[in-house]
Amino acid sequence: MKHEYTFEELAELRKIYNESGEGGLEPDEMRALRKAGLLTQGLPEKPSKR
């Protein structure tokens, strides 16, 4: 089941990203922020395979 984030959830995720950087978020959360257009600078085109 795919989770769709609300505006409030995306705002909270962005706050976590701003404080902790990419390491503070799960890959799905990063994708949600990118999809919503909230993160556009300095991100790789595809998720890294770590």
PDB file of N, CA and C in Angstrom:
ATOM      1  N   MET A   1       0.840  -1.180   0.000  1.00  0.00           N
ATOM      2  CA  MET A   1       0.000   0.000   0.000  1.00  0.00           C
ATOM      3  C   MET A   1       0.890   1.251   0.000  1.00  0.00           C
ATOM      4  N   LYS A   2       0.599   2.167  -0.880  1.00  0.00           N
ATOM      5  CA  LYS A   2       1.395   3.376  -1.015  1.00  0.00           C
ATOM      6  C   LYS A   2       0.819   4.475  -0.125  1.00  0.00           C
ATOM      7  N   HIS A   3       1.693   5.134   0.611  1.00  0.00           N
ATOM      8  CA  HIS A   3       1.254   6.197   1.516  1.00  0.00           C
ATOM      9  C   HIS A   3       1.360   7.540   0.804  1.00  0.00           C
ATOM     10  N   GLU A   4       0.269   8.263   0.778  1.00  0.00           N
ATOM     11  CA  GLU A   4       0.287   9.622   0.248  1.00  0.00           C
ATOM     12  C   GLU A   4       0.396  10.580   1.433  1.00  0.00           C
ATOM     13  N   TYR A   5       1.367  11.458   1.390  1.00  0.00           N
ATOM     14  CA  TYR A   5       1.585  12.383   2.490  1.00  0.00           C
ATOM     15  C   TYR A   5       0.692  13.605   2.348  1.00  0.00           C
ATOM     16  N   THR A   6       0.175  14.087   3.488  1.00  0.00           N
ATOM     17  CA  THR A   6      -0.598  15.330   3.493  1.00  0.00           C
ATOM     18  C   THR A   6       0.377  16.502   3.460  1.00  0.00           C
ATOM     19  N   PHE A   7      -0.147  17.692   3.222  1.00  0.00           N
ATOM     20  CA  PHE A   7       0.690  18.891   3.212  1.00  0.00           C
ATOM     21  C   PHE A   7       1.409  19.051   4.544  1.00  0.00           C
ATOM     22  N   GLU A   8       0.698  18.801   5.645  1.00  0.00           N
ATOM     23  CA  GLU A   8       1.301  18.943   6.970  1.00  0.00           C
ATOM     24  C   GLU A   8       2.431  17.936   7.173  1.00  0.00           C
ATOM     25  N   GLU A   9       2.219  16.704   6.725  1.00  0.00           N
ATOM     26  CA  GLU A   9       3.272  15.690   6.850  1.00  0.00           C
ATOM     27  C   GLU A   9       4.491  16.074   6.022  1.00  0.00           C
ATOM     28  N   LEU A  10       4.265  16.590   4.826  1.00  0.00           N
ATOM     29  CA  LEU A  10       5.385  17.003   3.987  1.00  0.00           C
ATOM     30  C   LEU A  10       6.151  18.153   4.631  1.00  0.00           C
ATOM     31  N   ALA A  11       5.442  19.071   5.245  1.00  0.00           N
ATOM     32  CA  ALA A  11       6.101  20.194   5.920  1.00  0.00           C
ATOM     33  C   ALA A  11       6.972  19.683   7.066  1.00  0.00           C
ATOM     34  N   GLU A  12       6.460  18.701   7.812  1.00  0.00           N
ATOM     35  CA  GLU A  12       7.236  18.124   8.916  1.00  0.00           C
ATOM     36  C   GLU A  12       8.466  17.390   8.382  1.00  0.00           C
ATOM     37  N   LEU A  13       8.303  16.647   7.287  1.00  0.00           N
ATOM     38  CA  LEU A  13       9.442  15.943   6.697  1.00  0.00           C
ATOM     39  C   LEU A  13      10.497  16.929   6.225  1.00  0.00           C
ATOM     40  N   ARG A  14      10.049  18.027   5.630  1.00  0.00           N
ATOM     41  CA  ARG A  14      11.013  19.023   5.164  1.00  0.00           C
ATOM     42  C   ARG A  14      11.774  19.629   6.340  1.00  0.00           C
ATOM     43  N   LYS A  15      11.067  19.845   7.448  1.00  0.00           N
ATOM     44  CA  LYS A  15      11.719  20.372   8.651  1.00  0.00           C
ATOM     45  C   LYS A  15      12.800  19.398   9.129  1.00  0.00           C
ATOM     46  N   ILE A  16      12.481  18.106   9.149  1.00  0.00           N
ATOM     47  CA  ILE A  16      13.465  17.089   9.540  1.00  0.00           C
ATOM     48  C   ILE A  16      14.646  17.114   8.577  1.00  0.00           C
ATOM     49  N   TYR A  17      14.353  17.216   7.276  1.00  0.00           N
ATOM     50  CA  TYR A  17      15.417  17.252   6.270  1.00  0.00           C
ATOM     51  C   TYR A  17      16.324  18.454   6.502  1.00  0.00           C
ATOM     52  N   ASN A  18      15.722  19.608   6.760  1.00  0.00           N
ATOM     53  CA  ASN A  18      16.502  20.824   6.955  1.00  0.00           C
ATOM     54  C   ASN A  18      17.396  20.719   8.184  1.00  0.00           C
ATOM     55  N   GLU A  19      16.943  20.008   9.221  1.00  0.00           N
ATOM     56  CA  GLU A  19      17.722  19.880  10.449  1.00  0.00           C
ATOM     57  C   GLU A  19      18.739  18.750  10.375  1.00  0.00           C
ATOM     58  N   SER A  20      18.358  17.632   9.777  1.00  0.00           N
ATOM     59  CA  SER A  20      19.191  16.433   9.823  1.00  0.00           C
ATOM     60  C   SER A  20      19.839  16.075   8.500  1.00  0.00           C
ATOM     61  N   GLY A  21      19.393  16.707   7.437  1.00  0.00           N
ATOM     62  CA  GLY A  21      19.887  16.332   6.123  1.00  0.00           C
ATOM     63  C   GLY A  21      19.248  15.036   5.660  1.00  0.00           C
ATOM     64  N   GLU A  22      19.747  14.523   4.577  1.00  0.00           N
ATOM     65  CA  GLU A  22      19.173  13.331   3.955  1.00  0.00           C
ATOM     66  C   GLU A  22      19.163  12.136   4.907  1.00  0.00           C
ATOM     67  N   GLY A  23      20.162  12.041   5.774  1.00  0.00           N
ATOM     68  CA  GLY A  23      20.254  10.910   6.683  1.00  0.00           C
ATOM     69  C   GLY A  23      19.105  10.818   7.670  1.00  0.00           C
ATOM     70  N   GLY A  24      18.380  11.926   7.862  1.00  0.00           N
ATOM     71  CA  GLY A  24      17.281  11.928   8.811  1.00  0.00           C
ATOM     72  C   GLY A  24      15.987  11.389   8.249  1.00  0.00           C
ATOM     73  N   LEU A  25      15.966  11.066   6.961  1.00  0.00           N
ATOM     74  CA  LEU A  25      14.728  10.624   6.318  1.00  0.00           C
ATOM     75  C   LEU A  25      14.888   9.245   5.696  1.00  0.00           C
ATOM     76  N   GLU A  26      13.774   8.559   5.609  1.00  0.00           N
ATOM     77  CA  GLU A  26      13.732   7.290   4.887  1.00  0.00           C
ATOM     78  C   GLU A  26      13.684   7.599   3.381  1.00  0.00           C
ATOM     79  N   PRO A  27      14.120   6.663   2.526  1.00  0.00           N
ATOM     80  CA  PRO A  27      14.076   6.903   1.076  1.00  0.00           C
ATOM     81  C   PRO A  27      12.684   7.269   0.560  1.00  0.00           C
ATOM     82  N   ASP A  28      11.644   6.626   1.095  1.00  0.00           N
ATOM     83  CA  ASP A  28      10.291   6.957   0.645  1.00  0.00           C
ATOM     84  C   ASP A  28       9.905   8.384   1.016  1.00  0.00           C
ATOM     85  N   GLU A  29      10.388   8.851   2.166  1.00  0.00           N
ATOM     86  CA  GLU A  29      10.094  10.216   2.581  1.00  0.00           C
ATOM     87  C   GLU A  29      10.803  11.216   1.669  1.00  0.00           C
ATOM     88  N   MET A  30      12.047  10.883   1.294  1.00  0.00           N
ATOM     89  CA  MET A  30      12.777  11.755   0.370  1.00  0.00           C
ATOM     90  C   MET A  30      12.047  11.831  -0.962  1.00  0.00           C
ATOM     91  N   ARG A  31      11.577  10.670  -1.453  1.00  0.00           N
ATOM     92  CA  ARG A  31      10.844  10.659  -2.722  1.00  0.00           C
ATOM     93  C   ARG A  31       9.582  11.497  -2.629  1.00  0.00           C
ATOM     94  N   ALA A  32       8.885  11.415  -1.507  1.00  0.00           N
ATOM     95  CA  ALA A  32       7.655  12.193  -1.327  1.00  0.00           C
ATOM     96  C   ALA A  32       7.949  13.691  -1.395  1.00  0.00           C
ATOM     97  N   LEU A  33       9.033  14.119  -0.757  1.00  0.00           N
ATOM     98  CA  LEU A  33       9.391  15.534  -0.799  1.00  0.00           C
ATOM     99  C   LEU A  33       9.774  15.970  -2.209  1.00  0.00           C
ATOM    100  N   ARG A  34      10.528  15.111  -2.898  1.00  0.00           N
ATOM    101  CA  ARG A  34      10.901  15.446  -4.285  1.00  0.00           C
ATOM    102  C   ARG A  34       9.662  15.537  -5.161  1.00  0.00           C
ATOM    103  N   LYS A  35       8.763  14.544  -5.007  1.00  0.00           N
ATOM    104  CA  LYS A  35       7.551  14.498  -5.820  1.00  0.00           C
ATOM    105  C   LYS A  35       6.694  15.739  -5.589  1.00  0.00           C
ATOM    106  N   ALA A  36       6.648  16.202  -4.343  1.00  0.00           N
ATOM    107  CA  ALA A  36       5.864  17.389  -4.007  1.00  0.00           C
ATOM    108  C   ALA A  36       6.566  18.676  -4.434  1.00  0.00           C
ATOM    109  N   GLY A  37       7.802  18.544  -4.913  1.00  0.00           N
ATOM    110  CA  GLY A  37       8.534  19.720  -5.374  1.00  0.00           C
ATOM    111  C   GLY A  37       9.159  20.525  -4.250  1.00  0.00           C
ATOM    112  N   LEU A  38       9.219  19.953  -3.059  1.00  0.00           N
ATOM    113  CA  LEU A  38       9.779  20.680  -1.922  1.00  0.00           C
ATOM    114  C   LEU A  38      11.297  20.590  -1.870  1.00  0.00           C
ATOM    115  N   LEU A  39      11.869  19.571  -2.485  1.00  0.00           N
ATOM    116  CA  LEU A  39      13.322  19.431  -2.552  1.00  0.00           C
ATOM    117  C   LEU A  39      13.714  19.313  -4.012  1.00  0.00           C
ATOM    118  N   THR A  40      14.518  20.235  -4.467  1.00  0.00           N
ATOM    119  CA  THR A  40      14.904  20.181  -5.875  1.00  0.00           C
ATOM    120  C   THR A  40      16.394  20.403  -6.073  1.00  0.00           C
ATOM    121  N   GLN A  41      17.059  21.032  -5.120  1.00  0.00           N
ATOM    122  CA  GLN A  41      18.467  21.364  -5.321  1.00  0.00           C
ATOM    123  C   GLN A  41      19.384  20.327  -4.700  1.00  0.00           C
ATOM    124  N   GLY A  42      20.421  20.001  -5.413  1.00  0.00           N
ATOM    125  CA  GLY A  42      21.463  19.152  -4.879  1.00  0.00           C
ATOM    126  C   GLY A  42      21.067  17.711  -4.629  1.00  0.00           C
ATOM    127  N   LEU A  43      20.041  17.247  -5.294  1.00  0.00           N
ATOM    128  CA  LEU A  43      19.613  15.867  -5.098  1.00  0.00           C
ATOM    129  C   LEU A  43      19.984  15.026  -6.305  1.00  0.00           C
ATOM    130  N   PRO A  44      20.393  13.790  -6.065  1.00  0.00           N
ATOM    131  CA  PRO A  44      20.697  12.920  -7.203  1.00  0.00           C
ATOM    132  C   PRO A  44      19.428  12.602  -7.981  1.00  0.00           C
ATOM    133  N   GLU A  45      19.587  12.322  -9.266  1.00  0.00           N
ATOM    134  CA  GLU A  45      18.446  11.975 -10.113  1.00  0.00           C
ATOM    135  C   GLU A  45      17.756  10.704  -9.621  1.00  0.00           C
ATOM    136  N   LYS A  46      18.567   9.730  -9.230  1.00  0.00           N
ATOM    137  CA  LYS A  46      18.021   8.452  -8.753  1.00  0.00           C
ATOM    138  C   LYS A  46      18.536   8.219  -7.349  1.00  0.00           C
ATOM    139  N   PRO A  47      17.756   7.510  -6.528  1.00  0.00           N
ATOM    140  CA  PRO A  47      18.236   7.220  -5.166  1.00  0.00           C
ATOM    141  C   PRO A  47      19.510   6.379  -5.198  1.00  0.00           C
ATOM    142  N   SER A  48      20.409   6.646  -4.274  1.00  0.00           N
ATOM    143  CA  SER A  48      21.639   5.864  -4.219  1.00  0.00           C
ATOM    144  C   SER A  48      21.318   4.460  -3.721  1.00  0.00           C
ATOM    145  N   LYS A  49      22.114   3.498  -4.156  1.00  0.00           N
ATOM    146  CA  LYS A  49      21.875   2.117  -3.776  1.00  0.00           C
ATOM    147  C   LYS A  49      22.847   1.726  -2.679  1.00  0.00           C
ATOM    148  N   ARG A  50      22.533   2.169  -1.462  1.00  0.00           N
ATOM    149  CA  ARG A  50      23.376   1.862  -0.324  1.00  0.00           C
ATOM    150  C   ARG A  50      22.875   0.653   0.379  1.00  0.00           C
TER     151      ARG A  50
END
